[in-house]
Every structure is written in structure tokens, then in C-alpha cells.
Amino acid sequence: PEHHVELRRIGPRDAAKIIGGMGACGKGIR
């Protein structure tokens, strides 16, 4: 309640960028 809360939709590429993890090729970092 002490914050102004907003929701923003992003694309799947941006989501993958934020989540991170291994790439489809096996590279340790996408």
C-alpha cells in the first residue's frame, strides 16, 4: 500500500533476457 504499483507487459525476448540461464546452444549465459 505504500507504493504506486504498476504492471507492464514485455515481449518473450525481453523476458528471456531478464531470466537469464543457459542458451539453447549450450552456452552458459544467454
ModelCIF file with pLDDT and N, C-alpha, C, O atoms, coordinates in Angstrom:
data_MODEL
#
_entry.id   MODEL 
#
_entity.id                         1 
_entity.type                       polymer 
_entity.pdbx_number_of_molecules   1 
#
_entity_poly.entity_id                      1 
_entity_poly.type                           'polypeptide(L)' 
_entity_poly.nstd_linkage                   no 
_entity_poly.nstd_monomer                   no 
_entity_poly.pdbx_seq_one_letter_code       PEHHVELRRIGPRDAAKIIGGMGACGKGIR 
_entity_poly.pdbx_seq_one_letter_code_can   PEHHVELRRIGPRDAAKIIGGMGACGKGIR 
_entity_poly.pdbx_strand_id                 A 
#
loop_
_entity_poly_seq.entity_id 
_entity_poly_seq.num 
_entity_poly_seq.mon_id 
_entity_poly_seq.hetero 
1 1  PRO n 
1 2  GLU n 
1 3  HIS n 
1 4  HIS n 
1 5  VAL n 
1 6  GLU n 
1 7  LEU n 
1 8  ARG n 
1 9  ARG n 
1 10 ILE n 
1 11 GLY n 
1 12 PRO n 
1 13 ARG n 
1 14 ASP n 
1 15 ALA n 
1 16 ALA n 
1 17 LYS n 
1 18 ILE n 
1 19 ILE n 
1 20 GLY n 
1 21 GLY n 
1 22 MET n 
1 23 GLY n 
1 24 ALA n 
1 25 CYS n 
1 26 GLY n 
1 27 LYS n 
1 28 GLY n 
1 29 ILE n 
1 30 ARG n 
#
_struct_asym.id          A 
_struct_asym.entity_id   1 
#
loop_
_ma_qa_metric.id 
_ma_qa_metric.mode 
_ma_qa_metric.name 
_ma_qa_metric.software_group_id 
_ma_qa_metric.type 
1 global pLDDT . pLDDT 
2 local  pLDDT . pLDDT 
#
_ma_qa_metric_global.metric_id      1 
_ma_qa_metric_global.metric_value   89.70 
_ma_qa_metric_global.model_id       1 
_ma_qa_metric_global.ordinal_id     1 
#
loop_
_ma_qa_metric_local.label_asym_id 
_ma_qa_metric_local.label_comp_id 
_ma_qa_metric_local.label_seq_id 
_ma_qa_metric_local.metric_id 
_ma_qa_metric_local.metric_value 
_ma_qa_metric_local.model_id 
_ma_qa_metric_local.ordinal_id 
A PRO 1  2 95.00 1 1  
A GLU 2  2 94.00 1 2  
A HIS 3  2 95.00 1 3  
A HIS 4  2 95.00 1 4  
A VAL 5  2 96.00 1 5  
A GLU 6  2 95.00 1 6  
A LEU 7  2 96.00 1 7  
A ARG 8  2 95.00 1 8  
A ARG 9  2 95.00 1 9  
A ILE 10 2 93.00 1 10 
A GLY 11 2 91.00 1 11 
A PRO 12 2 91.00 1 12 
A ARG 13 2 90.00 1 13 
A ASP 14 2 90.00 1 14 
A ALA 15 2 91.00 1 15 
A ALA 16 2 89.00 1 16 
A LYS 17 2 88.00 1 17 
A ILE 18 2 89.00 1 18 
A ILE 19 2 87.00 1 19 
A GLY 20 2 86.00 1 20 
A GLY 21 2 87.00 1 21 
A MET 22 2 87.00 1 22 
A GLY 23 2 84.00 1 23 
A ALA 24 2 81.00 1 24 
A CYS 25 2 83.00 1 25 
A GLY 26 2 85.00 1 26 
A LYS 27 2 85.00 1 27 
A GLY 28 2 86.00 1 28 
A ILE 29 2 86.00 1 29 
A ARG 30 2 86.00 1 30 
#
loop_
_atom_site.group_PDB 
_atom_site.id 
_atom_site.type_symbol 
_atom_site.label_atom_id 
_atom_site.label_alt_id 
_atom_site.label_comp_id 
_atom_site.label_asym_id 
_atom_site.label_entity_id 
_atom_site.label_seq_id 
_atom_site.pdbx_PDB_ins_code 
_atom_site.Cartn_x 
_atom_site.Cartn_y 
_atom_site.Cartn_z 
_atom_site.occupancy 
_atom_site.B_iso_or_equiv 
_atom_site.pdbx_formal_charge 
_atom_site.auth_seq_id 
_atom_site.auth_comp_id 
_atom_site.auth_asym_id 
_atom_site.auth_atom_id 
_atom_site.pdbx_PDB_model_num 
ATOM 1   N N  . PRO A 1 1  ? 0.797  -1.234  0.000   1.00 95.00 ? 1  PRO A N  1 
ATOM 2   C CA . PRO A 1 1  ? 0.000  0.000   0.000   1.00 95.00 ? 1  PRO A CA 1 
ATOM 3   C C  . PRO A 1 1  ? 0.827  1.280   0.000   1.00 95.00 ? 1  PRO A C  1 
ATOM 4   O O  . PRO A 1 1  ? 0.322  2.342   -0.364  1.00 95.00 ? 1  PRO A O  1 
ATOM 5   N N  . GLU A 1 2  ? 2.087  1.189   0.403   1.00 94.00 ? 2  GLU A N  1 
ATOM 6   C CA . GLU A 1 2  ? 2.922  2.385   0.485   1.00 94.00 ? 2  GLU A CA 1 
ATOM 7   C C  . GLU A 1 2  ? 3.564  2.747   -0.856  1.00 94.00 ? 2  GLU A C  1 
ATOM 8   O O  . GLU A 1 2  ? 4.276  3.747   -0.951  1.00 94.00 ? 2  GLU A O  1 
ATOM 9   N N  . HIS A 1 3  ? 3.317  1.942   -1.891  1.00 95.00 ? 3  HIS A N  1 
ATOM 10  C CA . HIS A 1 3  ? 3.924  2.177   -3.204  1.00 95.00 ? 3  HIS A CA 1 
ATOM 11  C C  . HIS A 1 3  ? 2.844  2.303   -4.271  1.00 95.00 ? 3  HIS A C  1 
ATOM 12  O O  . HIS A 1 3  ? 1.743  1.770   -4.135  1.00 95.00 ? 3  HIS A O  1 
ATOM 13  N N  . HIS A 1 4  ? 3.186  3.017   -5.331  1.00 95.00 ? 4  HIS A N  1 
ATOM 14  C CA . HIS A 1 4  ? 2.329  3.050   -6.510  1.00 95.00 ? 4  HIS A CA 1 
ATOM 15  C C  . HIS A 1 4  ? 2.696  1.844   -7.370  1.00 95.00 ? 4  HIS A C  1 
ATOM 16  O O  . HIS A 1 4  ? 3.785  1.799   -7.942  1.00 95.00 ? 4  HIS A O  1 
ATOM 17  N N  . VAL A 1 5  ? 1.791  0.867   -7.462  1.00 96.00 ? 5  VAL A N  1 
ATOM 18  C CA . VAL A 1 5  ? 2.082  -0.396  -8.135  1.00 96.00 ? 5  VAL A CA 1 
ATOM 19  C C  . VAL A 1 5  ? 1.584  -0.355  -9.581  1.00 96.00 ? 5  VAL A C  1 
ATOM 20  O O  . VAL A 1 5  ? 0.456  0.061   -9.846  1.00 96.00 ? 5  VAL A O  1 
ATOM 21  N N  . GLU A 1 6  ? 2.434  -0.789  -10.507 1.00 95.00 ? 6  GLU A N  1 
ATOM 22  C CA . GLU A 1 6  ? 2.075  -0.862  -11.922 1.00 95.00 ? 6  GLU A CA 1 
ATOM 23  C C  . GLU A 1 6  ? 2.450  -2.222  -12.482 1.00 95.00 ? 6  GLU A C  1 
ATOM 24  O O  . GLU A 1 6  ? 3.352  -2.891  -11.979 1.00 95.00 ? 6  GLU A O  1 
ATOM 25  N N  . LEU A 1 7  ? 1.741  -2.619  -13.533 1.00 96.00 ? 7  LEU A N  1 
ATOM 26  C CA . LEU A 1 7  ? 2.056  -3.835  -14.285 1.00 96.00 ? 7  LEU A CA 1 
ATOM 27  C C  . LEU A 1 7  ? 2.424  -3.437  -15.704 1.00 96.00 ? 7  LEU A C  1 
ATOM 28  O O  . LEU A 1 7  ? 1.737  -2.621  -16.318 1.00 96.00 ? 7  LEU A O  1 
ATOM 29  N N  . ARG A 1 8  ? 3.504  -4.009  -16.229 1.00 95.00 ? 8  ARG A N  1 
ATOM 30  C CA . ARG A 1 8  ? 3.912  -3.714  -17.598 1.00 95.00 ? 8  ARG A CA 1 
ATOM 31  C C  . ARG A 1 8  ? 4.249  -5.015  -18.318 1.00 95.00 ? 8  ARG A C  1 
ATOM 32  O O  . ARG A 1 8  ? 5.003  -5.854  -17.825 1.00 95.00 ? 8  ARG A O  1 
ATOM 33  N N  . ARG A 1 9  ? 3.661  -5.147  -19.501 1.00 95.00 ? 9  ARG A N  1 
ATOM 34  C CA . ARG A 1 9  ? 3.880  -6.340  -20.302 1.00 95.00 ? 9  ARG A CA 1 
ATOM 35  C C  . ARG A 1 9  ? 5.118  -6.165  -21.179 1.00 95.00 ? 9  ARG A C  1 
ATOM 36  O O  . ARG A 1 9  ? 5.312  -5.113  -21.789 1.00 95.00 ? 9  ARG A O  1 
ATOM 37  N N  . ILE A 1 10 ? 5.951  -7.199  -21.237 1.00 93.00 ? 10 ILE A N  1 
ATOM 38  C CA . ILE A 1 10 ? 7.137  -7.181  -22.086 1.00 93.00 ? 10 ILE A CA 1 
ATOM 39  C C  . ILE A 1 10 ? 7.102  -8.390  -23.015 1.00 93.00 ? 10 ILE A C  1 
ATOM 40  O O  . ILE A 1 10 ? 6.346  -9.333  -22.782 1.00 93.00 ? 10 ILE A O  1 
ATOM 41  N N  . GLY A 1 11 ? 7.911  -8.364  -24.058 1.00 91.00 ? 11 GLY A N  1 
ATOM 42  C CA . GLY A 1 11 ? 7.954  -9.454  -25.015 1.00 91.00 ? 11 GLY A CA 1 
ATOM 43  C C  . GLY A 1 11 ? 8.739  -10.643 -24.510 1.00 91.00 ? 11 GLY A C  1 
ATOM 44  O O  . GLY A 1 11 ? 9.460  -10.531 -23.518 1.00 91.00 ? 11 GLY A O  1 
ATOM 45  N N  . PRO A 1 12 ? 8.613  -11.798 -25.183 1.00 91.00 ? 12 PRO A N  1 
ATOM 46  C CA . PRO A 1 12 ? 9.305  -13.019 -24.748 1.00 91.00 ? 12 PRO A CA 1 
ATOM 47  C C  . PRO A 1 12 ? 10.822 -12.900 -24.800 1.00 91.00 ? 12 PRO A C  1 
ATOM 48  O O  . PRO A 1 12 ? 11.515 -13.508 -23.983 1.00 91.00 ? 12 PRO A O  1 
ATOM 49  N N  . ARG A 1 13 ? 11.354 -12.122 -25.754 1.00 90.00 ? 13 ARG A N  1 
ATOM 50  C CA . ARG A 1 13 ? 12.802 -11.947 -25.810 1.00 90.00 ? 13 ARG A CA 1 
ATOM 51  C C  . ARG A 1 13 ? 13.297 -11.161 -24.590 1.00 90.00 ? 13 ARG A C  1 
ATOM 52  O O  . ARG A 1 13 ? 14.314 -11.509 -23.989 1.00 90.00 ? 13 ARG A O  1 
ATOM 53  N N  . ASP A 1 14 ? 12.571 -10.106 -24.234 1.00 90.00 ? 14 ASP A N  1 
ATOM 54  C CA . ASP A 1 14 ? 12.949 -9.318  -23.060 1.00 90.00 ? 14 ASP A CA 1 
ATOM 55  C C  . ASP A 1 14 ? 12.839 -10.148 -21.790 1.00 90.00 ? 14 ASP A C  1 
ATOM 56  O O  . ASP A 1 14 ? 13.662 -10.016 -20.884 1.00 90.00 ? 14 ASP A O  1 
ATOM 57  N N  . ALA A 1 15 ? 11.819 -11.004 -21.722 1.00 91.00 ? 15 ALA A N  1 
ATOM 58  C CA . ALA A 1 15 ? 11.646 -11.856 -20.548 1.00 91.00 ? 15 ALA A CA 1 
ATOM 59  C C  . ALA A 1 15 ? 12.811 -12.833 -20.426 1.00 91.00 ? 15 ALA A C  1 
ATOM 60  O O  . ALA A 1 15 ? 13.347 -13.024 -19.334 1.00 91.00 ? 15 ALA A O  1 
ATOM 61  N N  . ALA A 1 16 ? 13.206 -13.452 -21.537 1.00 89.00 ? 16 ALA A N  1 
ATOM 62  C CA . ALA A 1 16 ? 14.327 -14.389 -21.522 1.00 89.00 ? 16 ALA A CA 1 
ATOM 63  C C  . ALA A 1 16 ? 15.610 -13.692 -21.112 1.00 89.00 ? 16 ALA A C  1 
ATOM 64  O O  . ALA A 1 16 ? 16.436 -14.271 -20.405 1.00 89.00 ? 16 ALA A O  1 
ATOM 65  N N  . LYS A 1 17 ? 15.783 -12.458 -21.548 1.00 88.00 ? 17 LYS A N  1 
ATOM 66  C CA . LYS A 1 17 ? 16.973 -11.678 -21.205 1.00 88.00 ? 17 LYS A CA 1 
ATOM 67  C C  . LYS A 1 17 ? 17.052 -11.449 -19.690 1.00 88.00 ? 17 LYS A C  1 
ATOM 68  O O  . LYS A 1 17 ? 18.122 -11.560 -19.092 1.00 88.00 ? 17 LYS A O  1 
ATOM 69  N N  . ILE A 1 18 ? 15.908 -11.128 -19.083 1.00 89.00 ? 18 ILE A N  1 
ATOM 70  C CA . ILE A 1 18 ? 15.878 -10.865 -17.643 1.00 89.00 ? 18 ILE A CA 1 
ATOM 71  C C  . ILE A 1 18 ? 16.094 -12.153 -16.849 1.00 89.00 ? 18 ILE A C  1 
ATOM 72  O O  . ILE A 1 18 ? 16.847 -12.166 -15.875 1.00 89.00 ? 18 ILE A O  1 
ATOM 73  N N  . ILE A 1 19 ? 15.435 -13.233 -17.266 1.00 87.00 ? 19 ILE A N  1 
ATOM 74  C CA . ILE A 1 19 ? 15.529 -14.503 -16.533 1.00 87.00 ? 19 ILE A CA 1 
ATOM 75  C C  . ILE A 1 19 ? 16.934 -15.076 -16.611 1.00 87.00 ? 19 ILE A C  1 
ATOM 76  O O  . ILE A 1 19 ? 17.441 -15.620 -15.630 1.00 87.00 ? 19 ILE A O  1 
ATOM 77  N N  . GLY A 1 20 ? 17.573 -14.955 -17.784 1.00 86.00 ? 20 GLY A N  1 
ATOM 78  C CA . GLY A 1 20 ? 18.922 -15.467 -17.948 1.00 86.00 ? 20 GLY A CA 1 
ATOM 79  C C  . GLY A 1 20 ? 18.951 -16.986 -18.048 1.00 86.00 ? 20 GLY A C  1 
ATOM 80  O O  . GLY A 1 20 ? 17.954 -17.611 -18.409 1.00 86.00 ? 20 GLY A O  1 
ATOM 81  N N  . GLY A 1 21 ? 20.091 -17.571 -17.728 1.00 87.00 ? 21 GLY A N  1 
ATOM 82  C CA . GLY A 1 21 ? 20.237 -19.017 -17.814 1.00 87.00 ? 21 GLY A CA 1 
ATOM 83  C C  . GLY A 1 21 ? 20.989 -19.438 -19.063 1.00 87.00 ? 21 GLY A C  1 
ATOM 84  O O  . GLY A 1 21 ? 21.497 -18.601 -19.810 1.00 87.00 ? 21 GLY A O  1 
ATOM 85  N N  . MET A 1 22 ? 21.054 -20.746 -19.280 1.00 87.00 ? 22 MET A N  1 
ATOM 86  C CA . MET A 1 22 ? 21.807 -21.314 -20.400 1.00 87.00 ? 22 MET A CA 1 
ATOM 87  C C  . MET A 1 22 ? 21.088 -21.096 -21.716 1.00 87.00 ? 22 MET A C  1 
ATOM 88  O O  . MET A 1 22 ? 19.859 -21.143 -21.780 1.00 87.00 ? 22 MET A O  1 
ATOM 89  N N  . GLY A 1 23 ? 21.859 -20.858 -22.764 1.00 84.00 ? 23 GLY A N  1 
ATOM 90  C CA . GLY A 1 23 ? 21.295 -20.700 -24.094 1.00 84.00 ? 23 GLY A CA 1 
ATOM 91  C C  . GLY A 1 23 ? 20.935 -22.032 -24.708 1.00 84.00 ? 23 GLY A C  1 
ATOM 92  O O  . GLY A 1 23 ? 21.380 -23.077 -24.232 1.00 84.00 ? 23 GLY A O  1 
ATOM 93  N N  . ALA A 1 24 ? 20.134 -22.010 -25.759 1.00 81.00 ? 24 ALA A N  1 
ATOM 94  C CA . ALA A 1 24 ? 19.719 -23.239 -26.435 1.00 81.00 ? 24 ALA A CA 1 
ATOM 95  C C  . ALA A 1 24 ? 20.903 -23.984 -27.034 1.00 81.00 ? 24 ALA A C  1 
ATOM 96  O O  . ALA A 1 24 ? 20.840 -25.198 -27.229 1.00 81.00 ? 24 ALA A O  1 
ATOM 97  N N  . CYS A 1 25 ? 21.989 -23.261 -27.328 1.00 83.00 ? 25 CYS A N  1 
ATOM 98  C CA . CYS A 1 25 ? 23.182 -23.874 -27.915 1.00 83.00 ? 25 CYS A CA 1 
ATOM 99  C C  . CYS A 1 25 ? 24.071 -24.518 -26.859 1.00 83.00 ? 25 CYS A C  1 
ATOM 100 O O  . CYS A 1 25 ? 25.040 -25.194 -27.203 1.00 83.00 ? 25 CYS A O  1 
ATOM 101 N N  . GLY A 1 26 ? 23.761 -24.321 -25.586 1.00 85.00 ? 26 GLY A N  1 
ATOM 102 C CA . GLY A 1 26 ? 24.585 -24.845 -24.508 1.00 85.00 ? 26 GLY A CA 1 
ATOM 103 C C  . GLY A 1 26 ? 25.501 -23.810 -23.889 1.00 85.00 ? 26 GLY A C  1 
ATOM 104 O O  . GLY A 1 26 ? 26.202 -24.102 -22.920 1.00 85.00 ? 26 GLY A O  1 
ATOM 105 N N  . LYS A 1 27 ? 25.505 -22.596 -24.441 1.00 85.00 ? 27 LYS A N  1 
ATOM 106 C CA . LYS A 1 27 ? 26.323 -21.522 -23.868 1.00 85.00 ? 27 LYS A CA 1 
ATOM 107 C C  . LYS A 1 27 ? 25.858 -21.231 -22.447 1.00 85.00 ? 27 LYS A C  1 
ATOM 108 O O  . LYS A 1 27 ? 24.659 -21.161 -22.179 1.00 85.00 ? 27 LYS A O  1 
ATOM 109 N N  . GLY A 1 28 ? 26.813 -21.064 -21.542 1.00 86.00 ? 28 GLY A N  1 
ATOM 110 C CA . GLY A 1 28 ? 26.476 -20.919 -20.122 1.00 86.00 ? 28 GLY A CA 1 
ATOM 111 C C  . GLY A 1 28 ? 25.590 -19.738 -19.806 1.00 86.00 ? 28 GLY A C  1 
ATOM 112 O O  . GLY A 1 28 ? 24.745 -19.821 -18.914 1.00 86.00 ? 28 GLY A O  1 
ATOM 113 N N  . ILE A 1 29 ? 25.763 -18.640 -20.518 1.00 86.00 ? 29 ILE A N  1 
ATOM 114 C CA . ILE A 1 29 ? 24.945 -17.444 -20.322 1.00 86.00 ? 29 ILE A CA 1 
ATOM 115 C C  . ILE A 1 29 ? 24.370 -17.038 -21.671 1.00 86.00 ? 29 ILE A C  1 
ATOM 116 O O  . ILE A 1 29 ? 25.110 -16.931 -22.650 1.00 86.00 ? 29 ILE A O  1 
ATOM 117 N N  . ARG A 1 30 ? 23.077 -16.814 -21.738 1.00 86.00 ? 30 ARG A N  1 
ATOM 118 C CA . ARG A 1 30 ? 22.453 -16.420 -23.000 1.00 86.00 ? 30 ARG A CA 1 
ATOM 119 C C  . ARG A 1 30 ? 23.066 -15.124 -23.534 1.00 86.00 ? 30 ARG A C  1 
ATOM 120 O O  . ARG A 1 30 ? 22.663 -14.640 -24.591 1.00 86.00 ? 30 ARG A O  1 
#
